Protein backbone atom coordinates (compact mmCIF):
# COMPACT_ATOMS: atom_id res chain seq x y z
CA MET A 1 31.46 -2.42 36.88
CA VAL A 2 32.01 1.27 36.05
CA ASN A 3 31.95 3.75 38.96
CA VAL A 4 30.36 7.14 38.30
CA LEU A 5 30.41 10.18 40.59
CA LEU A 6 27.77 12.88 40.04
CA VAL A 7 28.69 16.01 41.98
CA VAL A 8 25.56 18.01 42.83
CA PRO A 9 26.37 21.74 42.45
CA TYR A 10 24.03 22.69 45.31
CA GLN A 11 21.62 20.87 47.59
CA GLY A 12 18.54 22.09 45.71
CA LEU A 13 19.49 19.87 42.76
CA GLN A 14 19.90 16.69 44.81
CA LYS A 15 16.40 15.37 44.09
CA THR A 16 16.66 16.31 40.41
CA PHE A 17 19.83 14.23 40.15
CA GLU A 18 18.30 11.30 42.03
CA ASP A 19 15.09 11.32 39.96
CA CYS A 20 17.00 11.50 36.69
CA VAL A 21 19.28 8.60 37.62
CA ALA A 22 16.25 6.55 38.74
CA SER A 23 14.65 7.05 35.32
CA LEU A 24 17.67 5.70 33.41
CA ASP A 25 18.95 2.18 32.77
CA THR A 26 21.98 2.02 35.07
CA ARG A 27 22.53 -1.74 35.17
CA ASP A 28 26.20 -2.70 35.63
CA LEU A 29 26.94 0.87 36.76
CA ASN A 30 27.70 2.09 40.26
CA ILE A 31 26.51 5.70 40.56
CA ASP A 32 27.25 7.90 43.57
CA ILE A 33 25.51 11.26 43.98
CA GLN A 34 27.29 13.65 46.34
CA HIS A 35 27.25 17.35 47.09
CA LEU A 36 30.88 18.48 47.22
CA TYR A 37 31.62 22.14 47.84
CA GLY A 38 34.61 23.82 46.24
CA SER A 39 37.64 21.61 46.78
CA ARG A 40 36.25 19.79 49.81
CA PHE A 41 36.38 16.47 48.00
CA PHE A 42 40.08 16.34 48.98
CA GLY A 43 40.69 13.12 50.86
CA LYS A 44 37.83 11.33 49.16
CA ASP A 45 38.66 8.38 46.95
CA ILE A 46 38.19 10.07 43.56
CA GLU A 47 40.54 7.53 41.99
CA LYS A 48 37.95 4.76 42.22
CA TYR A 49 35.66 6.56 39.77
CA GLN A 50 36.06 6.19 36.03
CA ILE A 51 33.67 9.09 35.31
CA VAL A 52 33.00 12.28 37.27
CA ALA A 53 30.43 14.95 36.43
CA ALA A 54 30.86 18.30 38.18
CA ARG A 55 30.59 22.06 37.79
CA GLY A 56 32.67 25.16 38.47
CA ILE A 57 35.77 25.20 40.68
CA THR A 58 35.09 21.68 41.95
CA GLY A 59 34.93 20.33 38.42
CA ARG A 60 38.02 22.20 37.27
CA THR A 61 40.02 20.96 40.27
CA ILE A 62 39.00 17.33 39.72
CA ARG A 63 39.83 17.59 36.02
CA THR A 64 43.25 19.12 36.77
CA GLN A 65 44.31 16.85 39.62
CA HIS A 66 42.82 13.61 38.28
CA PRO A 67 43.40 13.70 34.49
CA GLN A 68 42.94 9.92 34.23
CA VAL A 69 39.25 10.27 35.15
CA SER A 70 36.77 10.84 32.33
CA PHE A 71 35.24 14.21 33.13
CA VAL A 72 31.77 15.45 32.15
CA GLU A 73 31.23 19.14 32.77
CA ILE A 74 27.93 20.45 34.12
CA THR A 75 27.96 23.54 31.94
CA VAL A 76 26.67 26.97 32.84
CA SER A 77 24.26 27.78 30.02
CA SER A 78 23.30 31.18 28.68
CA ASP A 79 19.84 30.69 30.17
CA ASP A 80 21.37 30.06 33.62
CA ILE A 81 23.36 33.29 33.40
CA ILE A 82 20.47 35.40 32.12
CA ASN A 83 18.18 34.07 34.87
CA ALA A 84 20.78 34.95 37.51
CA LEU A 85 21.25 38.45 36.07
CA ASP A 86 17.48 38.97 36.03
CA GLU A 87 17.32 37.97 39.71
CA CYS A 88 20.19 40.33 40.50
CA VAL A 89 18.35 43.28 38.91
CA ARG A 90 15.16 42.41 40.76
CA LEU A 91 16.96 42.21 44.09
CA TYR A 92 19.46 45.07 43.83
CA GLY A 93 18.41 47.19 40.86
CA ARG A 94 20.51 48.05 37.82
CA LYS A 95 23.88 48.12 39.56
CA ARG A 96 27.33 47.49 38.08
CA ILE A 97 27.52 43.70 37.96
CA ALA A 98 30.61 41.46 38.00
CA LEU A 99 29.89 38.08 36.38
CA VAL A 100 32.39 35.64 37.92
CA LEU A 101 32.67 32.22 36.25
CA ALA A 102 34.88 29.17 36.67
CA GLU A 103 34.79 28.30 32.97
CA SER A 104 34.22 29.93 29.61
CA THR A 105 30.70 30.21 28.27
CA MET A 106 29.05 30.74 24.91
CA CYS A 107 27.44 33.87 26.37
CA SER A 108 29.69 36.94 25.99
CA ALA A 109 29.62 40.01 28.21
CA SER A 110 29.34 42.34 25.21
CA SER A 111 26.26 40.51 23.94
CA ILE A 112 24.55 40.72 27.34
CA ARG A 113 25.42 44.41 27.69
CA ARG A 114 24.05 45.17 24.25
CA LEU A 115 20.82 43.23 24.75
CA SER A 116 20.10 44.20 28.36
CA GLY A 117 21.73 47.56 28.77
CA LEU A 118 23.42 46.31 31.95
CA ASP A 119 26.84 47.53 33.01
CA LEU A 120 28.69 44.26 33.57
CA GLN A 121 32.02 42.57 33.06
CA MET A 122 33.17 38.94 33.17
CA PHE A 123 35.84 37.66 35.53
CA TYR A 124 37.23 34.10 35.74
CA VAL A 125 38.41 32.01 38.68
CA TYR A 126 40.29 28.73 38.25
CA SER A 127 40.67 27.62 41.86
CA GLU A 128 39.58 28.58 45.37
CA GLU A 129 42.88 30.41 45.77
CA ASP A 130 41.83 32.80 42.97
CA VAL A 131 38.54 33.84 44.59
CA ASP A 132 39.82 36.47 47.03
CA GLY A 133 42.04 38.06 44.40
CA VAL A 134 39.20 38.28 41.87
CA ILE A 135 36.83 39.76 44.45
CA ARG A 136 39.42 42.38 45.36
CA GLU A 137 39.69 43.29 41.69
CA VAL A 138 35.89 43.47 41.41
CA ILE A 139 35.74 45.90 44.34
CA LYS A 140 38.70 47.89 42.97
CA GLN A 141 36.93 48.40 39.64
CA GLY A 142 33.80 49.64 41.37
CA PHE A 143 31.37 46.78 40.71
CA GLU A 144 28.51 46.71 43.18
CA CYS A 145 27.06 43.19 42.73
CA VAL A 146 28.50 39.76 41.95
CA VAL A 147 26.84 36.94 40.01
CA GLY A 148 28.74 33.66 40.28
CA GLY A 149 29.05 30.12 41.55
CA LEU A 150 28.69 28.66 45.01
CA THR A 151 32.27 29.28 46.18
CA VAL A 152 32.34 32.86 44.92
CA CYS A 153 28.94 33.72 46.40
CA GLY A 154 29.89 32.15 49.72
CA ARG A 155 32.94 34.39 49.97
CA CYS A 156 30.94 37.47 48.88
CA ARG A 157 28.39 36.88 51.65
CA GLU A 158 31.21 36.68 54.19
CA LEU A 159 32.47 40.06 52.96
CA GLY A 160 29.00 41.61 52.80
CA ILE A 161 29.01 42.00 49.01
CA PRO A 162 25.59 41.70 47.29
CA CYS A 163 25.60 38.53 45.19
CA VAL A 164 23.38 36.14 43.25
CA PHE A 165 24.12 32.45 42.75
CA ILE A 166 23.93 30.98 39.22
CA HIS A 167 21.59 27.99 39.42
CA THR A 168 21.98 25.08 37.04
CA GLY A 169 18.76 24.48 35.12
CA LYS A 170 17.00 21.13 35.38
CA GLU A 171 17.43 20.41 31.67
CA ALA A 172 21.18 21.09 31.78
CA ALA A 173 21.55 18.81 34.82
CA GLU A 174 19.58 15.99 33.20
CA ARG A 175 21.52 16.36 29.95
CA THR A 176 24.80 16.06 31.84
CA ILE A 177 23.64 12.99 33.76
CA ARG A 178 22.54 11.25 30.56
CA THR A 179 25.90 12.02 28.97
CA ALA A 180 27.74 10.61 31.99
CA VAL A 181 25.61 7.44 32.01
CA GLU A 182 26.04 6.88 28.25
CA THR A 183 29.79 7.41 28.59
CA ALA A 184 29.86 4.89 31.45
CA LYS A 185 27.95 2.35 29.36
CA GLY A 186 30.49 2.81 26.57
CA ILE A 187 33.37 2.21 28.97
CA ASN A 188 31.54 -0.81 30.38
CA ARG A 189 31.12 -2.29 26.89
CA GLU A 190 34.79 -1.72 26.13
CA GLN A 191 35.80 -3.41 29.39
CA LEU A 192 33.58 -6.41 28.67
CA GLN A 193 34.92 -6.73 25.14
CA SER A 194 38.48 -6.43 26.38
CA GLN A 195 37.84 -9.04 29.07
CA LEU A 196 36.22 -11.39 26.55
CA LEU A 197 39.12 -10.97 24.13
CA ARG A 198 41.61 -11.56 26.93
CA THR A 199 39.77 -14.72 28.01
CA LEU A 200 39.66 -16.02 24.44
CA LEU A 201 43.36 -15.36 23.91
CA ASP A 202 44.39 -16.91 27.22
CA HIS A 203 42.40 -20.06 26.41
CA HIS A 204 44.10 -20.32 23.04
CA HIS A 205 46.62 -23.17 22.73
CA ASP A 206 49.05 -20.99 20.77
CA ALA A 207 51.19 -18.09 21.94
CA VAL A 208 49.72 -14.90 20.45
CA LEU A 209 51.15 -11.38 20.56
CA ALA A 210 50.88 -8.19 18.52
CA CYS A 211 53.10 -5.18 17.92
CA ASP A 212 52.38 -1.72 16.54
CA GLY A 213 53.98 -0.01 13.54
CA GLN A 214 57.05 0.92 15.62
CA GLY A 215 57.64 -2.68 16.67
CA SER A 216 56.47 -2.22 20.26
CA ILE A 217 54.46 -5.09 21.74
CA VAL A 218 50.91 -3.92 22.52
CA ALA A 219 49.17 -7.21 23.37
CA ALA A 220 50.08 -10.75 24.43
CA ASN A 221 48.26 -13.75 25.87
CA ALA A 222 49.25 -15.93 28.80
CA GLN A 223 50.94 -18.53 26.56
CA ALA A 224 53.16 -15.85 25.03
CA GLY A 225 54.08 -14.67 28.51
CA ARG A 226 55.15 -18.16 29.52
CA LEU A 227 57.08 -18.76 26.27
CA LEU A 228 58.74 -15.38 25.75
CA GLY A 229 58.37 -13.35 28.96
CA ASP A 230 58.81 -13.76 32.67
CA GLY A 231 55.77 -16.00 32.98
CA GLU A 232 53.34 -13.08 32.79
CA SER A 233 51.93 -11.63 29.57
CA GLN A 234 52.13 -8.12 31.06
CA SER A 235 55.92 -8.40 31.17
CA LEU A 236 55.96 -8.32 27.36
CA ILE A 237 53.88 -5.17 26.89
CA GLY A 238 55.94 -2.23 25.68
CA ARG A 239 59.04 -4.29 24.85
CA PRO A 240 60.52 -4.14 21.31
CA ILE A 241 59.51 -7.16 19.27
CA ASP A 242 63.08 -7.36 17.89
CA HIS A 243 64.32 -8.12 21.43
CA VAL A 244 61.69 -10.80 21.98
CA LEU A 245 61.61 -12.38 18.50
CA PRO A 246 64.83 -11.43 16.65
CA ASP A 247 64.84 -11.75 12.85
CA SER A 248 61.07 -12.13 12.64
CA GLN A 249 60.93 -10.00 9.45
CA TRP A 250 57.92 -8.15 10.84
CA ARG A 251 58.81 -4.96 8.95
CA LYS A 252 58.59 -6.76 5.62
CA VAL A 253 55.21 -8.26 6.59
CA ALA A 254 53.87 -4.89 7.69
CA ALA A 255 55.10 -3.19 4.50
CA ASP A 256 54.03 -5.90 2.01
CA GLY A 257 50.80 -6.91 3.75
CA VAL A 258 51.60 -10.61 3.15
CA SER A 259 51.81 -13.26 5.90
CA LEU A 260 55.03 -15.15 6.47
CA ASP A 261 55.47 -18.59 8.11
CA THR A 262 58.82 -19.78 9.45
CA MET A 263 60.09 -22.57 11.71
CA ARG A 264 61.73 -21.56 14.96
CA GLN A 265 63.31 -23.56 17.76
CA PHE A 266 62.40 -22.76 21.39
CA PRO A 267 63.38 -24.57 24.60
CA THR A 268 59.91 -26.13 24.54
CA GLY A 269 60.48 -27.53 21.04
CA MET A 270 60.13 -26.67 17.38
CA THR A 271 57.38 -24.17 16.51
CA VAL A 272 55.72 -22.62 13.49
CA LEU A 273 55.95 -18.82 13.71
CA GLN A 274 53.22 -17.15 11.70
CA CYS A 275 53.61 -13.39 11.16
CA SER A 276 50.54 -11.62 9.71
CA PRO A 277 49.77 -7.95 8.91
CA LEU A 278 47.48 -6.27 11.44
CA PRO A 279 45.59 -3.08 10.45
CA LEU A 280 45.55 -0.55 13.28
CA ALA A 281 43.73 2.72 13.91
CA GLY A 282 44.85 5.71 11.89
CA GLY A 283 45.92 3.61 8.91
CA GLU A 284 48.97 2.26 10.75
CA ALA A 285 50.00 -1.34 10.05
CA GLY A 286 51.08 -3.55 12.91
CA VAL A 287 51.85 -7.27 13.03
CA LEU A 288 50.19 -10.26 14.70
CA PHE A 289 52.32 -13.23 15.74
CA ASN A 290 50.94 -16.73 16.23
CA ILE A 291 53.39 -19.32 17.57
CA GLN A 292 52.26 -22.95 17.24
CA ASN A 293 54.02 -26.02 18.57
CA ALA A 294 55.05 -28.10 15.55
CA GLU A 295 54.62 -31.39 17.42
CA MET A 296 51.06 -30.39 18.36
CA ILE A 297 50.32 -29.63 14.70
CA ARG A 298 51.55 -33.09 13.70
CA ASP A 299 49.53 -34.74 16.47
CA THR A 300 46.39 -32.86 15.42
CA ASP A 301 46.91 -33.83 11.78
CA SER A 302 47.35 -37.48 12.76
CA LYS A 303 44.15 -37.43 14.85
CA ILE A 304 42.18 -35.94 11.96
CA GLN A 305 43.46 -38.56 9.51
CA LYS A 306 42.62 -41.34 11.98
CA GLN A 307 39.07 -40.00 12.47
CA VAL A 308 38.61 -39.80 8.70
CA ARG A 309 39.66 -43.43 8.29
CA GLN A 310 37.38 -44.56 11.13
CA SER A 311 34.46 -42.68 9.61
CA GLY A 312 34.77 -44.70 6.42
CA PHE A 313 35.90 -41.86 4.21
CA THR A 314 38.47 -44.11 2.48
CA ALA A 315 38.67 -45.67 -0.95
CA ARG A 316 36.47 -48.79 -1.11
CA TYR A 317 37.86 -49.97 -4.42
CA THR A 318 41.35 -50.23 -5.86
CA PHE A 319 42.65 -50.89 -9.37
CA GLU A 320 42.79 -54.58 -8.47
CA ASP A 321 38.97 -54.58 -8.20
CA ILE A 322 38.57 -53.48 -11.81
């Protein structure tokens, strides 16, 4: 189950978020929709979410303080900015406007000035601590109105500065939600595949483990953990294969691309150690090890021969019958 947090930029978008989520296939996903203002999500259990979608200062703070979470940004589009500027002119006239954003945008101040004739300049804030400093600079430079996000506009209202909030358009919100849901589905598929592979490996009779091109163990099943580790497969991950299986000749196998079988004695008995080349991402060659109990191989071979004889697949005639 993948947990997704959709942070609503402002209360007016709550229903848009809910309706969009209701229209999508969200099976096997746990989606929470919350309105979190600025950095007020502190103390909430962000760590339980694999994906978070947010905007502005809230989004930047989550992305900075929780880098392990997959982040989907609710972008401020050019349309959103132009609509906010249009509202600012209607409310306050053609004043000097400070456009305060929490992230970069494809819409440049010079382009807006040229197309609209407005006297404006862009300012950027990266956290709530930056807001007061940026507003002081806006006032110092003689700007009369502010167009920005929720945190910036909230502070401007407290100081009596004319301001207009940049609303996120419905299409941008829906696009972000779909991206977050599709990303969650991808993570869910990867988790299921990983779990299936782990189950298959752990139910395998043989000890199986793999190392990357540097000889570091990247995967191991339960049998390998019991045979080579501390009883747990996880204890092998990250260890050098040369420490776990000395003289395995894995470098030669990785370089030549040809499998190599050898006999090796363990406390549990004689085994057949099969070392095979393993193609990895980026063209790198790793190695896959399969360790089989020699006695089990002999027992299996004997059972097969016995079944063949019992099935009648034996010679019915000999030279004496000629």
